[in-house]
């Protein structure tokens, strides 16, 4: 089964972060992820949507599926056209923050999901894709 896009959301404000959480939860339930898995997916979606809005100046969240008849995955892709991340390795470290938060967003999201990919280019923006397999 080829990857399939379920929906694309615009992330421009705090209210869009709430919608991103709700839509991630909807699809996690629809795909019959356990309650624990749903919570992990929603938490990662919330953190990454917040980063997209607060650090990337807004962008999009694409919700898609991947996998085959035996194994399914829910994939969330967050993309912005912001300034980019100067040092991705440093940004992934727990405790690193540019906004006074706890500094657990990127690293925490990576730990919550099965796959984590980040591509950030200075002056061009950042794309983060996370996948949870069922």
C-alpha atoms as a PDB file:
ATOM      1  CA  UNK A   1       0.000   0.000   0.000  1.00  0.00           C
ATOM      2  CA  UNK A   2       1.554   3.309  -1.028  1.00  0.00           C
ATOM      3  CA  UNK A   3       1.706   6.205   1.426  1.00  0.00           C
ATOM      4  CA  UNK A   4      -1.557   8.131   1.533  1.00  0.00           C
ATOM      5  CA  UNK A   5      -2.068  11.744   2.612  1.00  0.00           C
ATOM      6  CA  UNK A   6      -5.054  12.038   4.930  1.00  0.00           C
ATOM      7  CA  UNK A   7      -5.068  15.799   5.438  1.00  0.00           C
ATOM      8  CA  UNK A   8      -2.960  18.944   5.483  1.00  0.00           C
ATOM      9  CA  UNK A   9      -3.356  21.598   8.173  1.00  0.00           C
ATOM     10  CA  UNK A  10      -2.122  25.175   8.263  1.00  0.00           C
ATOM     11  CA  UNK A  11      -0.251  26.038  11.454  1.00  0.00           C
ATOM     12  CA  UNK A  12      -0.264  29.786  12.034  1.00  0.00           C
ATOM     13  CA  UNK A  13      -1.486  30.352  15.598  1.00  0.00           C
ATOM     14  CA  UNK A  14      -1.916  28.768  19.018  1.00  0.00           C
ATOM     15  CA  UNK A  15      -5.440  27.675  18.081  1.00  0.00           C
ATOM     16  CA  UNK A  16      -3.973  25.727  15.140  1.00  0.00           C
ATOM     17  CA  UNK A  17      -1.799  23.787  17.607  1.00  0.00           C
ATOM     18  CA  UNK A  18      -4.963  22.645  19.372  1.00  0.00           C
ATOM     19  CA  UNK A  19      -6.476  21.576  16.036  1.00  0.00           C
ATOM     20  CA  UNK A  20      -3.266  19.702  15.145  1.00  0.00           C
ATOM     21  CA  UNK A  21      -3.526  17.764  18.418  1.00  0.00           C
ATOM     22  CA  UNK A  22      -7.189  16.961  17.778  1.00  0.00           C
ATOM     23  CA  UNK A  23      -6.568  15.759  14.217  1.00  0.00           C
ATOM     24  CA  UNK A  24      -3.575  13.632  15.263  1.00  0.00           C
ATOM     25  CA  UNK A  25      -5.745  12.042  17.965  1.00  0.00           C
ATOM     26  CA  UNK A  26      -8.586  11.471  15.485  1.00  0.00           C
ATOM     27  CA  UNK A  27      -6.358   9.568  13.059  1.00  0.00           C
ATOM     28  CA  UNK A  28      -4.595   7.632  15.837  1.00  0.00           C
ATOM     29  CA  UNK A  29      -8.007   6.465  17.067  1.00  0.00           C
ATOM     30  CA  UNK A  30      -9.175   5.764  13.517  1.00  0.00           C
ATOM     31  CA  UNK A  31      -6.115   3.559  12.964  1.00  0.00           C
ATOM     32  CA  UNK A  32      -6.797   1.788  16.282  1.00  0.00           C
ATOM     33  CA  UNK A  33      -3.602   2.718  18.081  1.00  0.00           C
ATOM     34  CA  UNK A  34      -3.659   1.899  21.804  1.00  0.00           C
ATOM     35  CA  UNK A  35      -4.389   4.685  24.281  1.00  0.00           C
ATOM     36  CA  UNK A  36      -0.699   4.856  25.227  1.00  0.00           C
ATOM     37  CA  UNK A  37       0.316   5.112  21.554  1.00  0.00           C
ATOM     38  CA  UNK A  38      -2.369   7.751  20.951  1.00  0.00           C
ATOM     39  CA  UNK A  39      -0.973   9.808  23.824  1.00  0.00           C
ATOM     40  CA  UNK A  40       2.559   9.577  22.414  1.00  0.00           C
ATOM     41  CA  UNK A  41       1.396  10.615  18.939  1.00  0.00           C
ATOM     42  CA  UNK A  42      -0.659  13.547  20.260  1.00  0.00           C
ATOM     43  CA  UNK A  43       2.163  14.738  22.518  1.00  0.00           C
ATOM     44  CA  UNK A  44       4.680  14.668  19.663  1.00  0.00           C
ATOM     45  CA  UNK A  45       2.187  16.446  17.383  1.00  0.00           C
ATOM     46  CA  UNK A  46       1.644  19.149  19.997  1.00  0.00           C
ATOM     47  CA  UNK A  47       5.367  19.758  20.539  1.00  0.00           C
ATOM     48  CA  UNK A  48       6.201  19.851  16.849  1.00  0.00           C
ATOM     49  CA  UNK A  49       3.204  22.010  15.928  1.00  0.00           C
ATOM     50  CA  UNK A  50       4.229  24.461  18.658  1.00  0.00           C
ATOM     51  CA  UNK A  51       7.786  24.568  17.281  1.00  0.00           C
ATOM     52  CA  UNK A  52       6.418  25.182  13.779  1.00  0.00           C
ATOM     53  CA  UNK A  53       4.333  28.129  14.979  1.00  0.00           C
ATOM     54  CA  UNK A  54       6.701  29.640  17.558  1.00  0.00           C
ATOM     55  CA  UNK A  55      10.098  29.077  15.945  1.00  0.00           C
ATOM     56  CA  UNK A  56       9.241  28.624  12.276  1.00  0.00           C
ATOM     57  CA  UNK A  57       6.754  31.460  12.006  1.00  0.00           C
ATOM     58  CA  UNK A  58       4.015  29.017  10.972  1.00  0.00           C
ATOM     59  CA  UNK A  59       3.778  26.316   8.359  1.00  0.00           C
ATOM     60  CA  UNK A  60       1.958  23.066   7.722  1.00  0.00           C
ATOM     61  CA  UNK A  61       1.302  19.663   9.245  1.00  0.00           C
ATOM     62  CA  UNK A  62       0.651  16.802   6.835  1.00  0.00           C
ATOM     63  CA  UNK A  63      -0.961  13.671   8.262  1.00  0.00           C
ATOM     64  CA  UNK A  64      -0.425  10.517   6.210  1.00  0.00           C
ATOM     65  CA  UNK A  65      -0.334   6.748   6.427  1.00  0.00           C
ATOM     66  CA  UNK A  66       2.340   4.328   5.336  1.00  0.00           C
ATOM     67  CA  UNK A  67       2.869   0.615   5.489  1.00  0.00           C
ATOM     68  CA  UNK A  68       1.287  -2.524   4.102  1.00  0.00           C
ATOM     69  CA  UNK A  69      -1.475  -4.986   4.956  1.00  0.00           C
ATOM     70  CA  UNK A  70       0.538  -6.375   7.869  1.00  0.00           C
ATOM     71  CA  UNK A  71       1.915  -3.197   9.369  1.00  0.00           C
ATOM     72  CA  UNK A  72       0.526   0.356   9.328  1.00  0.00           C
ATOM     73  CA  UNK A  73       2.078   3.675  10.284  1.00  0.00           C
ATOM     74  CA  UNK A  74       0.801   7.135  11.038  1.00  0.00           C
ATOM     75  CA  UNK A  75       3.185   9.790   9.750  1.00  0.00           C
ATOM     76  CA  UNK A  76       3.180  13.483  10.706  1.00  0.00           C
ATOM     77  CA  UNK A  77       5.243  15.989   8.721  1.00  0.00           C
ATOM     78  CA  UNK A  78       5.754  19.538   9.984  1.00  0.00           C
ATOM     79  CA  UNK A  79       7.245  22.085   7.627  1.00  0.00           C
ATOM     80  CA  UNK A  80       7.994  25.787   7.956  1.00  0.00           C
ATOM     81  CA  UNK A  81       9.833  28.416   5.950  1.00  0.00           C
ATOM     82  CA  UNK A  82      11.452  30.018   8.991  1.00  0.00           C
ATOM     83  CA  UNK A  83      15.091  30.788   9.713  1.00  0.00           C
ATOM     84  CA  UNK A  84      16.091  27.143  10.135  1.00  0.00           C
ATOM     85  CA  UNK A  85      18.065  25.573  12.970  1.00  0.00           C
ATOM     86  CA  UNK A  86      21.720  26.577  13.116  1.00  0.00           C
ATOM     87  CA  UNK A  87      22.856  23.471  15.034  1.00  0.00           C
ATOM     88  CA  UNK A  88      20.414  20.549  14.793  1.00  0.00           C
ATOM     89  CA  UNK A  89      22.558  18.327  17.017  1.00  0.00           C
ATOM     90  CA  UNK A  90      22.498  20.925  19.794  1.00  0.00           C
ATOM     91  CA  UNK A  91      18.754  21.534  19.329  1.00  0.00           C
ATOM     92  CA  UNK A  92      18.117  17.801  19.814  1.00  0.00           C
ATOM     93  CA  UNK A  93      19.809  17.801  23.234  1.00  0.00           C
ATOM     94  CA  UNK A  94      17.488  17.773  26.235  1.00  0.00           C
ATOM     95  CA  UNK A  95      17.553  21.093  28.021  1.00  0.00           C
ATOM     96  CA  UNK A  96      18.515  23.170  24.983  1.00  0.00           C
ATOM     97  CA  UNK A  97      16.020  25.977  24.479  1.00  0.00           C
ATOM     98  CA  UNK A  98      15.842  29.251  22.625  1.00  0.00           C
ATOM     99  CA  UNK A  99      12.495  30.238  24.108  1.00  0.00           C
ATOM    100  CA  UNK A 100      12.868  29.647  27.836  1.00  0.00           C
ATOM    101  CA  UNK A 101      10.949  26.352  27.782  1.00  0.00           C
ATOM    102  CA  UNK A 102      12.121  23.017  29.144  1.00  0.00           C
ATOM    103  CA  UNK A 103      14.032  22.154  25.977  1.00  0.00           C
ATOM    104  CA  UNK A 104      12.440  18.737  25.528  1.00  0.00           C
ATOM    105  CA  UNK A 105      10.443  19.330  22.320  1.00  0.00           C
ATOM    106  CA  UNK A 106      12.595  17.828  19.569  1.00  0.00           C
ATOM    107  CA  UNK A 107      14.340  15.169  21.658  1.00  0.00           C
ATOM    108  CA  UNK A 108      11.126  14.257  23.434  1.00  0.00           C
ATOM    109  CA  UNK A 109       9.259  13.948  20.149  1.00  0.00           C
ATOM    110  CA  UNK A 110      11.981  11.674  18.828  1.00  0.00           C
ATOM    111  CA  UNK A 111      11.667   9.382  21.857  1.00  0.00           C
ATOM    112  CA  UNK A 112       7.854   9.251  21.600  1.00  0.00           C
ATOM    113  CA  UNK A 113       7.802   8.085  17.986  1.00  0.00           C
ATOM    114  CA  UNK A 114       9.369   5.122  16.154  1.00  0.00           C
ATOM    115  CA  UNK A 115      11.039   7.198  13.452  1.00  0.00           C
ATOM    116  CA  UNK A 116      12.245  10.797  13.453  1.00  0.00           C
ATOM    117  CA  UNK A 117      13.728  12.751  10.555  1.00  0.00           C
ATOM    118  CA  UNK A 118      14.748  16.396  10.551  1.00  0.00           C
ATOM    119  CA  UNK A 119      15.979  18.545   7.696  1.00  0.00           C
ATOM    120  CA  UNK A 120      16.758  22.170   8.513  1.00  0.00           C
ATOM    121  CA  UNK A 121      18.478  24.697   6.311  1.00  0.00           C
ATOM    122  CA  UNK A 122      19.453  28.161   7.457  1.00  0.00           C
ATOM    123  CA  UNK A 123      17.302  30.795   5.821  1.00  0.00           C
ATOM    124  CA  UNK A 124      15.039  28.172   4.222  1.00  0.00           C
ATOM    125  CA  UNK A 125      13.172  26.474   7.047  1.00  0.00           C
ATOM    126  CA  UNK A 126      12.755  23.123   8.746  1.00  0.00           C
ATOM    127  CA  UNK A 127      10.949  19.867   8.005  1.00  0.00           C
ATOM    128  CA  UNK A 128      10.395  17.284  10.742  1.00  0.00           C
ATOM    129  CA  UNK A 129       8.752  13.945   9.968  1.00  0.00           C
ATOM    130  CA  UNK A 130       7.759  11.540  12.736  1.00  0.00           C
ATOM    131  CA  UNK A 131       6.271   8.085  12.297  1.00  0.00           C
ATOM    132  CA  UNK A 132       4.539   5.727  14.702  1.00  0.00           C
ATOM    133  CA  UNK A 133       4.206   2.090  13.575  1.00  0.00           C
ATOM    134  CA  UNK A 134       1.356  -0.123  14.677  1.00  0.00           C
END
